[in-house]
C-alpha atoms as a PDB file:
ATOM      1  CA  MET A   1      35.220  52.550 165.580  1.00  0.00           C
ATOM      2  CA  THR A   2      31.840  52.688 163.397  1.00  0.00           C
ATOM      3  CA  GLY A   3      29.502  55.788 163.093  1.00  0.00           C
ATOM      4  CA  PRO A   4      27.937  57.478 162.837  1.00  0.00           C
ATOM      5  CA  ILE A   5      25.121  56.623 165.272  1.00  0.00           C
ATOM      6  CA  LEU A   6      21.481  58.590 164.339  1.00  0.00           C
ATOM      7  CA  LEU A   7      18.832  59.843 166.420  1.00  0.00           C
ATOM      8  CA  ALA A   8      15.573  61.365 165.332  1.00  0.00           C
ATOM      9  CA  GLY A   9      12.606  61.996 166.442  1.00  0.00           C
ATOM     10  CA  PRO A  10       9.407  64.972 166.971  1.00  0.00           C
ATOM     11  CA  THR A  11      10.118  67.965 168.974  1.00  0.00           C
ATOM     12  CA  GLY A  12       9.696  67.466 173.027  1.00  0.00           C
ATOM     13  CA  VAL A  13      10.521  63.460 172.687  1.00  0.00           C
ATOM     14  CA  GLY A  14      13.916  63.858 174.635  1.00  0.00           C
ATOM     15  CA  LYS A  15      16.120  63.482 172.346  1.00  0.00           C
ATOM     16  CA  THR A  16      18.452  65.961 173.234  1.00  0.00           C
ATOM     17  CA  ALA A  17      19.100  64.470 177.025  1.00  0.00           C
ATOM     18  CA  VAL A  18      19.558  61.637 175.782  1.00  0.00           C
ATOM     19  CA  ALA A  19      22.229  62.295 173.424  1.00  0.00           C
ATOM     20  CA  ILE A  20      23.954  64.066 175.477  1.00  0.00           C
ATOM     21  CA  ALA A  21      23.941  60.984 178.193  1.00  0.00           C
ATOM     22  CA  LEU A  22      25.317  58.283 174.644  1.00  0.00           C
ATOM     23  CA  ALA A  23      27.440  60.806 173.905  1.00  0.00           C
ATOM     24  CA  ILE A  24      28.645  60.471 177.736  1.00  0.00           C
ATOM     25  CA  GLU A  25      28.865  56.418 177.993  1.00  0.00           C
ATOM     26  CA  LEU A  26      29.889  56.103 174.572  1.00  0.00           C
ATOM     27  CA  GLU A  27      33.010  58.986 174.096  1.00  0.00           C
ATOM     28  CA  GLY A  28      31.003  59.804 171.478  1.00  0.00           C
ATOM     29  CA  GLU A  29      30.122  64.106 170.052  1.00  0.00           C
ATOM     30  CA  ILE A  30      27.182  65.318 168.596  1.00  0.00           C
ATOM     31  CA  VAL A  31      26.481  66.475 165.698  1.00  0.00           C
ATOM     32  CA  SER A  32      22.833  68.268 166.399  1.00  0.00           C
ATOM     33  CA  VAL A  33      20.746  68.044 162.465  1.00  0.00           C
ATOM     34  CA  ASP A  34      18.336  71.526 163.390  1.00  0.00           C
ATOM     35  CA  SER A  35      17.719  73.512 160.511  1.00  0.00           C
ATOM     36  CA  MET A  36      17.209  75.945 163.211  1.00  0.00           C
ATOM     37  CA  GLN A  37      19.746  75.693 166.252  1.00  0.00           C
ATOM     38  CA  VAL A  38      22.744  77.514 163.166  1.00  0.00           C
ATOM     39  CA  TYR A  39      21.551  79.934 163.535  1.00  0.00           C
ATOM     40  CA  ARG A  40      23.376  82.613 166.474  1.00  0.00           C
ATOM     41  CA  GLY A  41      20.725  84.184 169.253  1.00  0.00           C
ATOM     42  CA  LEU A  42      17.880  81.237 167.939  1.00  0.00           C
ATOM     43  CA  ASP A  43      18.534  80.017 170.968  1.00  0.00           C
ATOM     44  CA  ILE A  44      15.667  79.609 173.848  1.00  0.00           C
ATOM     45  CA  GLY A  45      12.811  79.898 171.306  1.00  0.00           C
ATOM     46  CA  THR A  46      14.974  76.376 169.348  1.00  0.00           C
ATOM     47  CA  ALA A  47      16.242  74.784 172.936  1.00  0.00           C
ATOM     48  CA  LYS A  48      19.060  74.922 171.837  1.00  0.00           C
ATOM     49  CA  PRO A  49      21.274  72.818 174.961  1.00  0.00           C
ATOM     50  CA  PRO A  50      22.711  75.179 177.722  1.00  0.00           C
ATOM     51  CA  LEU A  51      26.119  76.755 177.143  1.00  0.00           C
ATOM     52  CA  GLU A  52      27.203  74.057 180.212  1.00  0.00           C
ATOM     53  CA  GLU A  53      26.425  71.128 178.695  1.00  0.00           C
ATOM     54  CA  ARG A  54      27.840  72.135 175.070  1.00  0.00           C
ATOM     55  CA  ALA A  55      31.337  72.463 177.183  1.00  0.00           C
ATOM     56  CA  GLY A  56      31.001  69.005 179.045  1.00  0.00           C
ATOM     57  CA  ILE A  57      29.993  67.675 175.622  1.00  0.00           C
ATOM     58  CA  PRO A  58      31.535  68.928 172.317  1.00  0.00           C
ATOM     59  CA  HIS A  59      28.345  70.018 170.413  1.00  0.00           C
ATOM     60  CA  HIS A  60      28.746  70.539 166.678  1.00  0.00           C
ATOM     61  CA  LEU A  61      26.644  72.458 163.846  1.00  0.00           C
ATOM     62  CA  ILE A  62      24.936  74.697 166.378  1.00  0.00           C
ATOM     63  CA  ASP A  63      25.738  78.683 166.245  1.00  0.00           C
ATOM     64  CA  VAL A  64      26.728  78.535 162.598  1.00  0.00           C
ATOM     65  CA  VAL A  65      25.727  81.063 160.796  1.00  0.00           C
ATOM     66  CA  ASP A  66      24.140  84.871 161.900  1.00  0.00           C
ATOM     67  CA  LEU A  67      20.291  85.525 160.484  1.00  0.00           C
ATOM     68  CA  ASP A  68      21.518  87.562 157.832  1.00  0.00           C
ATOM     69  CA  GLN A  69      23.269  83.833 156.126  1.00  0.00           C
ATOM     70  CA  SER A  70      21.210  81.197 155.024  1.00  0.00           C
ATOM     71  CA  PHE A  71      20.995  77.600 155.442  1.00  0.00           C
ATOM     72  CA  ASP A  72      20.062  74.630 154.465  1.00  0.00           C
ATOM     73  CA  ALA A  73      20.072  71.510 153.363  1.00  0.00           C
ATOM     74  CA  ALA A  74      22.832  71.118 151.230  1.00  0.00           C
ATOM     75  CA  ARG A  75      24.827  73.598 153.299  1.00  0.00           C
ATOM     76  CA  PHE A  76      23.892  71.036 156.496  1.00  0.00           C
ATOM     77  CA  VAL A  77      25.679  68.089 154.253  1.00  0.00           C
ATOM     78  CA  SER A  78      29.126  69.952 153.027  1.00  0.00           C
ATOM     79  CA  GLU A  79      29.617  71.035 156.712  1.00  0.00           C
ATOM     80  CA  ALA A  80      28.279  67.460 158.489  1.00  0.00           C
ATOM     81  CA  ILE A  81      30.324  65.642 156.729  1.00  0.00           C
ATOM     82  CA  PRO A  82      33.995  66.918 157.420  1.00  0.00           C
ATOM     83  CA  ARG A  83      33.568  67.166 161.355  1.00  0.00           C
ATOM     84  CA  VAL A  84      31.682  63.486 161.303  1.00  0.00           C
ATOM     85  CA  SER A  85      35.039  62.544 160.001  1.00  0.00           C
ATOM     86  CA  ASP A  86      36.864  64.588 162.106  1.00  0.00           C
ATOM     87  CA  ILE A  87      35.309  62.978 165.358  1.00  0.00           C
ATOM     88  CA  ALA A  88      36.028  59.208 164.117  1.00  0.00           C
ATOM     89  CA  SER A  89      39.541  60.185 163.176  1.00  0.00           C
ATOM     90  CA  ARG A  90      40.087  61.241 166.909  1.00  0.00           C
ATOM     91  CA  GLY A  91      38.456  57.998 168.156  1.00  0.00           C
ATOM     92  CA  ARG A  92      35.209  59.064 169.138  1.00  0.00           C
ATOM     93  CA  LEU A  93      31.748  58.354 168.206  1.00  0.00           C
ATOM     94  CA  PRO A  94      29.427  60.688 166.114  1.00  0.00           C
ATOM     95  CA  ILE A  95      25.980  60.993 167.212  1.00  0.00           C
ATOM     96  CA  LEU A  96      23.979  62.776 164.830  1.00  0.00           C
ATOM     97  CA  CYS A  97      20.144  63.767 166.634  1.00  0.00           C
ATOM     98  CA  GLY A  98      18.190  65.776 165.334  1.00  0.00           C
ATOM     99  CA  GLY A  99      14.615  66.479 164.247  1.00  0.00           C
ATOM    100  CA  THR A 100      14.665  68.271 160.576  1.00  0.00           C
ATOM    101  CA  GLY A 101      13.919  65.155 158.483  1.00  0.00           C
ATOM    102  CA  LEU A 102      14.889  66.838 155.293  1.00  0.00           C
ATOM    103  CA  TYR A 103      18.594  67.310 156.634  1.00  0.00           C
ATOM    104  CA  PHE A 104      18.942  63.018 158.060  1.00  0.00           C
ATOM    105  CA  ASN A 105      17.765  62.485 153.883  1.00  0.00           C
ATOM    106  CA  ALA A 106      19.853  64.928 152.713  1.00  0.00           C
ATOM    107  CA  TRP A 107      23.330  63.230 154.573  1.00  0.00           C
ATOM    108  CA  LEU A 108      21.644  59.294 153.693  1.00  0.00           C
ATOM    109  CA  ASN A 109      20.605  59.509 149.621  1.00  0.00           C
ATOM    110  CA  GLY A 110      22.438  63.180 148.884  1.00  0.00           C
ATOM    111  CA  LEU A 111      20.377  65.741 147.448  1.00  0.00           C
ATOM    112  CA  GLY A 112      17.268  66.356 145.081  1.00  0.00           C
ATOM    113  CA  ALA A 113      18.063  67.329 141.908  1.00  0.00           C
ATOM    114  CA  SER A 114      16.065  70.765 142.188  1.00  0.00           C
ATOM    115  CA  PRO A 115      17.544  74.024 141.442  1.00  0.00           C
ATOM    116  CA  ALA A 116      19.288  76.290 143.502  1.00  0.00           C
ATOM    117  CA  PRO A 117      17.092  79.578 144.438  1.00  0.00           C
ATOM    118  CA  ASN A 118      16.264  81.892 141.987  1.00  0.00           C
ATOM    119  CA  PRO A 119      16.461  85.415 143.963  1.00  0.00           C
ATOM    120  CA  GLU A 120      14.215  87.537 141.746  1.00  0.00           C
ATOM    121  CA  LEU A 121      11.971  84.871 141.169  1.00  0.00           C
ATOM    122  CA  ARG A 122      12.236  84.271 145.387  1.00  0.00           C
ATOM    123  CA  ALA A 123      11.038  88.271 145.678  1.00  0.00           C
ATOM    124  CA  GLU A 124       8.241  87.459 143.362  1.00  0.00           C
ATOM    125  CA  LEU A 125       6.813  84.527 144.608  1.00  0.00           C
ATOM    126  CA  GLU A 126       7.419  85.558 148.682  1.00  0.00           C
ATOM    127  CA  ALA A 127       5.447  88.649 147.572  1.00  0.00           C
ATOM    128  CA  LEU A 128       2.489  86.583 146.818  1.00  0.00           C
ATOM    129  CA  PRO A 129      -0.728  85.788 148.616  1.00  0.00           C
ATOM    130  CA  LEU A 130      -0.154  81.667 150.324  1.00  0.00           C
ATOM    131  CA  PRO A 131      -3.227  81.430 148.656  1.00  0.00           C
ATOM    132  CA  GLU A 132      -2.799  82.111 145.302  1.00  0.00           C
ATOM    133  CA  LEU A 133       0.860  80.103 145.604  1.00  0.00           C
ATOM    134  CA  LEU A 134      -1.485  76.979 146.420  1.00  0.00           C
ATOM    135  CA  ASP A 135      -3.309  77.310 144.072  1.00  0.00           C
ATOM    136  CA  GLU A 136      -0.912  77.034 141.129  1.00  0.00           C
ATOM    137  CA  LEU A 137       0.879  74.768 142.726  1.00  0.00           C
ATOM    138  CA  ALA A 138      -2.418  72.500 143.172  1.00  0.00           C
ATOM    139  CA  ARG A 139      -2.946  73.331 139.546  1.00  0.00           C
ATOM    140  CA  LYS A 140       1.352  71.986 138.416  1.00  0.00           C
ATOM    141  CA  ASP A 141       1.688  69.948 141.052  1.00  0.00           C
ATOM    142  CA  LEU A 142      -1.340  68.406 142.891  1.00  0.00           C
ATOM    143  CA  THR A 143       0.969  65.542 144.689  1.00  0.00           C
ATOM    144  CA  THR A 144       3.379  67.482 146.135  1.00  0.00           C
ATOM    145  CA  PHE A 145      -0.304  70.220 147.539  1.00  0.00           C
ATOM    146  CA  ASN A 146      -1.336  66.913 148.870  1.00  0.00           C
ATOM    147  CA  GLN A 147       1.946  66.235 151.067  1.00  0.00           C
ATOM    148  CA  ILE A 148       3.324  69.625 151.647  1.00  0.00           C
ATOM    149  CA  ASP A 149       2.683  71.758 154.618  1.00  0.00           C
ATOM    150  CA  ILE A 150       0.504  74.217 153.617  1.00  0.00           C
ATOM    151  CA  ASP A 151       1.227  76.611 156.498  1.00  0.00           C
ATOM    152  CA  ASN A 152       4.544  76.506 155.829  1.00  0.00           C
ATOM    153  CA  ARG A 153       4.994  79.549 153.547  1.00  0.00           C
ATOM    154  CA  ARG A 154       8.786  78.665 152.992  1.00  0.00           C
ATOM    155  CA  ARG A 155       8.180  75.262 151.615  1.00  0.00           C
ATOM    156  CA  VAL A 156       5.018  76.632 148.791  1.00  0.00           C
ATOM    157  CA  VAL A 157       7.356  78.799 147.563  1.00  0.00           C
ATOM    158  CA  ARG A 158      10.259  76.500 147.332  1.00  0.00           C
ATOM    159  CA  ALA A 159       8.062  74.036 145.036  1.00  0.00           C
ATOM    160  CA  VAL A 160       6.618  77.006 143.567  1.00  0.00           C
ATOM    161  CA  GLU A 161       9.855  77.826 142.851  1.00  0.00           C
ATOM    162  CA  VAL A 162      11.046  74.350 141.174  1.00  0.00           C
ATOM    163  CA  ILE A 163       8.344  74.023 139.141  1.00  0.00           C
ATOM    164  CA  ARG A 164       8.466  77.383 136.929  1.00  0.00           C
ATOM    165  CA  LEU A 165      12.450  77.405 137.043  1.00  0.00           C
ATOM    166  CA  THR A 166      11.955  73.802 135.551  1.00  0.00           C
ATOM    167  CA  GLY A 167       8.997  73.733 133.534  1.00  0.00           C
ATOM    168  CA  LYS A 168       8.621  69.902 135.929  1.00  0.00           C
ATOM    169  CA  PRO A 169       6.582  68.876 138.979  1.00  0.00           C
ATOM    170  CA  PHE A 170       8.606  69.010 142.492  1.00  0.00           C
ATOM    171  CA  SER A 171       7.791  65.675 143.410  1.00  0.00           C
ATOM    172  CA  SER A 172       8.862  64.365 140.380  1.00  0.00           C
ATOM    173  CA  GLN A 173      12.439  65.958 141.107  1.00  0.00           C
ATOM    174  CA  ARG A 174      12.863  64.061 144.496  1.00  0.00           C
ATOM    175  CA  ALA A 175      11.324  60.623 143.351  1.00  0.00           C
ATOM    176  CA  HIS A 176      14.676  59.206 143.064  1.00  0.00           C
ATOM    177  CA  TRP A 177      14.843  59.146 146.889  1.00  0.00           C
ATOM    178  CA  PRO A 178      13.495  55.930 147.843  1.00  0.00           C
ATOM    179  CA  GLU A 179      10.320  55.480 149.318  1.00  0.00           C
ATOM    180  CA  ARG A 180      12.116  55.103 152.745  1.00  0.00           C
ATOM    181  CA  ALA A 181      16.323  56.194 153.626  1.00  0.00           C
ATOM    182  CA  PRO A 182      17.838  53.420 154.104  1.00  0.00           C
ATOM    183  CA  SER A 183      19.495  53.168 157.768  1.00  0.00           C
ATOM    184  CA  LEU A 184      22.475  53.245 158.586  1.00  0.00           C
ATOM    185  CA  ALA A 185      22.101  49.433 159.673  1.00  0.00           C
ATOM    186  CA  GLY A 186      21.364  48.920 164.002  1.00  0.00           C
ATOM    187  CA  ARG A 187      22.800  52.471 164.378  1.00  0.00           C
ATOM    188  CA  SER A 188      19.409  54.264 163.440  1.00  0.00           C
ATOM    189  CA  PHE A 189      17.276  55.064 166.327  1.00  0.00           C
ATOM    190  CA  GLY A 190      14.418  56.891 167.192  1.00  0.00           C
ATOM    191  CA  LEU A 191      12.771  57.879 170.238  1.00  0.00           C
ATOM    192  CA  ARG A 192       8.720  58.705 170.820  1.00  0.00           C
ATOM    193  CA  ARG A 193       6.511  58.639 173.311  1.00  0.00           C
ATOM    194  CA  SER A 194       2.420  57.971 174.375  1.00  0.00           C
ATOM    195  CA  ARG A 195       0.672  61.145 173.459  1.00  0.00           C
ATOM    196  CA  GLU A 196      -0.329  62.175 176.656  1.00  0.00           C
ATOM    197  CA  ASP A 197       3.028  62.402 178.009  1.00  0.00           C
ATOM    198  CA  LEU A 198       4.194  63.709 175.002  1.00  0.00           C
ATOM    199  CA  HIS A 199       1.660  66.608 175.194  1.00  0.00           C
ATOM    200  CA  GLY A 200       2.311  67.425 178.738  1.00  0.00           C
ATOM    201  CA  ARG A 201       6.092  67.997 177.781  1.00  0.00           C
ATOM    202  CA  ILE A 202       5.571  70.056 174.821  1.00  0.00           C
ATOM    203  CA  ARG A 203       3.159  72.356 177.356  1.00  0.00           C
ATOM    204  CA  ARG A 204       5.437  72.627 179.912  1.00  0.00           C
ATOM    205  CA  ARG A 205       8.711  73.218 177.771  1.00  0.00           C
ATOM    206  CA  VAL A 206       6.436  76.001 176.061  1.00  0.00           C
ATOM    207  CA  GLU A 207       5.984  77.080 179.256  1.00  0.00           C
ATOM    208  CA  VAL A 208       9.457  77.221 181.062  1.00  0.00           C
ATOM    209  CA  MET A 209      10.257  79.111 176.829  1.00  0.00           C
ATOM    210  CA  PHE A 210       8.085  82.433 177.901  1.00  0.00           C
ATOM    211  CA  LYS A 211       9.407  82.501 181.580  1.00  0.00           C
ATOM    212  CA  ALA A 212      12.815  81.524 180.435  1.00  0.00           C
ATOM    213  CA  GLY A 213      12.232  84.734 178.335  1.00  0.00           C
ATOM    214  CA  LEU A 214      11.203  83.941 174.658  1.00  0.00           C
ATOM    215  CA  ILE A 215       9.544  87.669 174.084  1.00  0.00           C
ATOM    216  CA  GLU A 216      12.343  89.618 175.341  1.00  0.00           C
ATOM    217  CA  GLU A 217      14.993  87.577 172.800  1.00  0.00           C
ATOM    218  CA  THR A 218      12.257  87.278 169.907  1.00  0.00           C
ATOM    219  CA  ARG A 219      12.006  91.375 170.384  1.00  0.00           C
ATOM    220  CA  GLN A 220      16.117  91.357 170.435  1.00  0.00           C
ATOM    221  CA  LEU A 221      16.585  89.471 166.827  1.00  0.00           C
ATOM    222  CA  LEU A 222      14.305  92.037 165.389  1.00  0.00           C
ATOM    223  CA  ASP A 223      17.099  94.056 165.556  1.00  0.00           C
ATOM    224  CA  ARG A 224      19.411  91.532 163.925  1.00  0.00           C
ATOM    225  CA  GLY A 225      17.943  90.450 160.862  1.00  0.00           C
ATOM    226  CA  LEU A 226      15.151  88.435 162.399  1.00  0.00           C
ATOM    227  CA  ALA A 227      12.045  89.617 160.448  1.00  0.00           C
ATOM    228  CA  THR A 228      14.063  89.251 156.837  1.00  0.00           C
ATOM    229  CA  ASN A 229      15.353  86.082 157.468  1.00  0.00           C
ATOM    230  CA  ARG A 230      12.411  83.730 156.549  1.00  0.00           C
ATOM    231  CA  THR A 231      13.826  80.698 157.118  1.00  0.00           C
ATOM    232  CA  ALA A 232      14.731  81.776 161.004  1.00  0.00           C
ATOM    233  CA  GLN A 233      10.891  82.753 160.938  1.00  0.00           C
ATOM    234  CA  GLN A 234       9.620  79.055 161.201  1.00  0.00           C
ATOM    235  CA  ALA A 235      11.181  78.335 163.615  1.00  0.00           C
ATOM    236  CA  ILE A 236       7.896  77.645 166.129  1.00  0.00           C
ATOM    237  CA  GLY A 237       7.432  79.998 168.681  1.00  0.00           C
ATOM    238  CA  TYR A 238       9.610  83.070 167.017  1.00  0.00           C
ATOM    239  CA  ARG A 239       6.665  83.665 164.591  1.00  0.00           C
ATOM    240  CA  GLN A 240       3.685  83.535 166.863  1.00  0.00           C
ATOM    241  CA  VAL A 241       5.776  86.070 169.314  1.00  0.00           C
ATOM    242  CA  MET A 242       6.550  88.504 166.938  1.00  0.00           C
ATOM    243  CA  GLU A 243       2.758  89.060 165.681  1.00  0.00           C
ATOM    244  CA  HIS A 244       1.769  89.448 169.442  1.00  0.00           C
ATOM    245  CA  LEU A 245       4.361  92.193 169.893  1.00  0.00           C
ATOM    246  CA  ALA A 246       3.236  93.947 166.778  1.00  0.00           C
ATOM    247  CA  GLY A 247      -0.244  93.458 169.388  1.00  0.00           C
ATOM    248  CA  GLU A 248      -2.180  91.191 166.949  1.00  0.00           C
ATOM    249  CA  ARG A 249      -2.672  89.015 170.734  1.00  0.00           C
ATOM    250  CA  GLY A 250      -2.139  88.726 174.579  1.00  0.00           C
ATOM    251  CA  ARG A 251       0.727  86.606 175.921  1.00  0.00           C
ATOM    252  CA  LEU A 252      -2.119  84.400 177.361  1.00  0.00           C
ATOM    253  CA  GLU A 253      -3.393  83.855 173.416  1.00  0.00           C
ATOM    254  CA  THR A 254       0.157  83.239 172.268  1.00  0.00           C
ATOM    255  CA  VAL A 255       2.151  80.433 175.587  1.00  0.00           C
ATOM    256  CA  GLU A 256      -1.207  78.339 174.359  1.00  0.00           C
ATOM    257  CA  LEU A 257      -0.493  79.183 170.523  1.00  0.00           C
ATOM    258  CA  VAL A 258       3.160  77.592 170.287  1.00  0.00           C
ATOM    259  CA  GLN A 259       1.767  75.176 172.857  1.00  0.00           C
ATOM    260  CA  THR A 260      -0.777  73.834 169.901  1.00  0.00           C
ATOM    261  CA  ARG A 261       1.488  74.584 166.980  1.00  0.00           C
ATOM    262  CA  THR A 262       4.196  73.157 168.504  1.00  0.00           C
ATOM    263  CA  ARG A 263       1.773  69.544 169.303  1.00  0.00           C
ATOM    264  CA  GLN A 264       0.826  69.988 165.403  1.00  0.00           C
ATOM    265  CA  PHE A 265       4.658  70.380 164.099  1.00  0.00           C
ATOM    266  CA  SER A 266       5.706  67.337 166.595  1.00  0.00           C
ATOM    267  CA  LYS A 267       2.546  64.977 164.735  1.00  0.00           C
ATOM    268  CA  ARG A 268       4.044  66.279 161.237  1.00  0.00           C
ATOM    269  CA  GLN A 269       7.292  65.193 162.263  1.00  0.00           C
ATOM    270  CA  HIS A 270       6.534  61.634 163.492  1.00  0.00           C
ATOM    271  CA  THR A 271       4.766  60.623 160.810  1.00  0.00           C
ATOM    272  CA  TRP A 272       7.526  62.023 158.522  1.00  0.00           C
ATOM    273  CA  PHE A 273       9.732  59.964 159.943  1.00  0.00           C
ATOM    274  CA  GLU A 274       7.728  56.904 160.782  1.00  0.00           C
ATOM    275  CA  ASN A 275       7.089  56.490 156.640  1.00  0.00           C
ATOM    276  CA  GLN A 276      11.087  58.353 155.217  1.00  0.00           C
ATOM    277  CA  LEU A 277      13.151  56.603 157.315  1.00  0.00           C
ATOM    278  CA  ASP A 278      14.200  53.514 158.484  1.00  0.00           C
ATOM    279  CA  LEU A 279      14.378  53.639 162.462  1.00  0.00           C
ATOM    280  CA  ASP A 280      14.682  51.619 165.726  1.00  0.00           C
ATOM    281  CA  TRP A 281      12.172  53.185 167.757  1.00  0.00           C
ATOM    282  CA  LEU A 282      11.498  52.868 171.091  1.00  0.00           C
ATOM    283  CA  GLU A 283       9.106  53.876 173.292  1.00  0.00           C
ATOM    284  CA  VAL A 284      10.250  56.395 176.026  1.00  0.00           C
ATOM    285  CA  GLY A 285       8.125  55.834 179.382  1.00  0.00           C
ATOM    286  CA  GLU A 286       7.296  59.130 181.296  1.00  0.00           C
ATOM    287  CA  ARG A 287       9.594  58.791 184.216  1.00  0.00           C
ATOM    288  CA  GLU A 288      12.220  57.139 181.673  1.00  0.00           C
ATOM    289  CA  ALA A 289      15.705  58.511 182.240  1.00  0.00           C
ATOM    290  CA  PRO A 290      17.937  59.904 179.761  1.00  0.00           C
ATOM    291  CA  ILE A 291      20.233  57.644 181.317  1.00  0.00           C
ATOM    292  CA  GLU A 292      18.146  54.243 180.761  1.00  0.00           C
ATOM    293  CA  THR A 293      16.961  55.101 177.452  1.00  0.00           C
ATOM    294  CA  ALA A 294      20.436  55.293 175.965  1.00  0.00           C
ATOM    295  CA  ARG A 295      21.183  51.756 178.349  1.00  0.00           C
ATOM    296  CA  ARG A 296      18.820  50.510 176.204  1.00  0.00           C
ATOM    297  CA  ILE A 297      19.749  51.932 172.620  1.00  0.00           C
ATOM    298  CA  ILE A 298      23.889  50.706 173.631  1.00  0.00           C
ATOM    299  CA  HIS A 299      22.326  46.653 174.349  1.00  0.00           C
ATOM    300  CA  ARG A 300      20.197  47.460 171.612  1.00  0.00           C
ATOM    301  CA  LEU A 301      23.685  48.197 169.709  1.00  0.00           C
ATOM    302  CA  GLN A 302      24.870  44.965 171.454  1.00  0.00           C
ATOM    303  CA  GLU A 303      22.700  42.895 169.755  1.00  0.00           C
ATOM    304  CA  SER A 304      23.657  44.380 166.547  1.00  0.00           C
ATOM    305  CA  GLY A 305      26.978  42.585 166.965  1.00  0.00           C
ATOM    306  CA  ARG A 306      28.270  45.747 164.837  1.00  0.00           C
ATOM    307  CA  HIS A 307      29.924  47.773 168.140  1.00  0.00           C
ATOM    308  CA  GLY A 308      30.272  45.027 170.875  1.00  0.00           C
ATOM    309  CA  GLU A 309      31.542  45.883 174.142  1.00  0.00           C
ATOM    310  CA  SER A 310      34.082  47.979 173.389  1.00  0.00           C
ATOM    311  CA  PHE A 311      31.790  51.130 173.009  1.00  0.00           C
ATOM    312  CA  LEU A 312      31.721  50.304 176.924  1.00  0.00           C
ATOM    313  CA  ARG A 313      33.679  52.039 179.117  1.00  0.00           C
END
């Protein structure tokens, strides 16, 4: 069996449900490409698949590390390679599914030439105000400054760290990555929806998270190290709830803020995937069931002539 399949797209588009449907139809297993679902305990806020779903369809690279540990693109690749090989060796189909573009890029192209983190310098930079970091980034690497998410403090810190360690612009050290990552020909798919549909799904998704106990989950995670894990804090929802628990805003305002931040993040994801990965895009209808989308993907796989009817049960 040839593989894997890549399934990408922005938050809220319905990737997980489609991946599960694909795994059922094609006897596959799912490898999560999500920088936040790797953390144990980040369950509600990352929309982690329920345990009962994971029991029926094997999921990999979920609940890999505790909050006092780090996880990055390099570790993702090192963890994903043996898992994908093992899945394929057992005659099953690996399905890489997620929304973390950096991980997909690392998988397809390898890692950039950036140096390893320097703990002392990192601590120094993290203590600086964000405007000061952005000013330094703009002076030393305007290309990265114009492209980076300026609200993502962790990425800003990393860019400045690399510049100081190497004396070179951060953007130049990633220049060996192609402008658009090569696809796995005929096997890389992206999901998208109409703006109205996606926004409605995000609004309902966030409401469900709060009803399911996101505030209490965050409170418990603070006792387990969430406040000191800057990577995990970037997961939309947790940072805003932490601010709510600190008395910065009320519950209703927090729900609305998380909805807004999720919409903004989803838009950035979609733009990144369109510009950086060569995906076969599928427009998902508002009332389209995951199995319908999965079967459309299977049809495209058959049309590509790379898998054929042996994938169908």
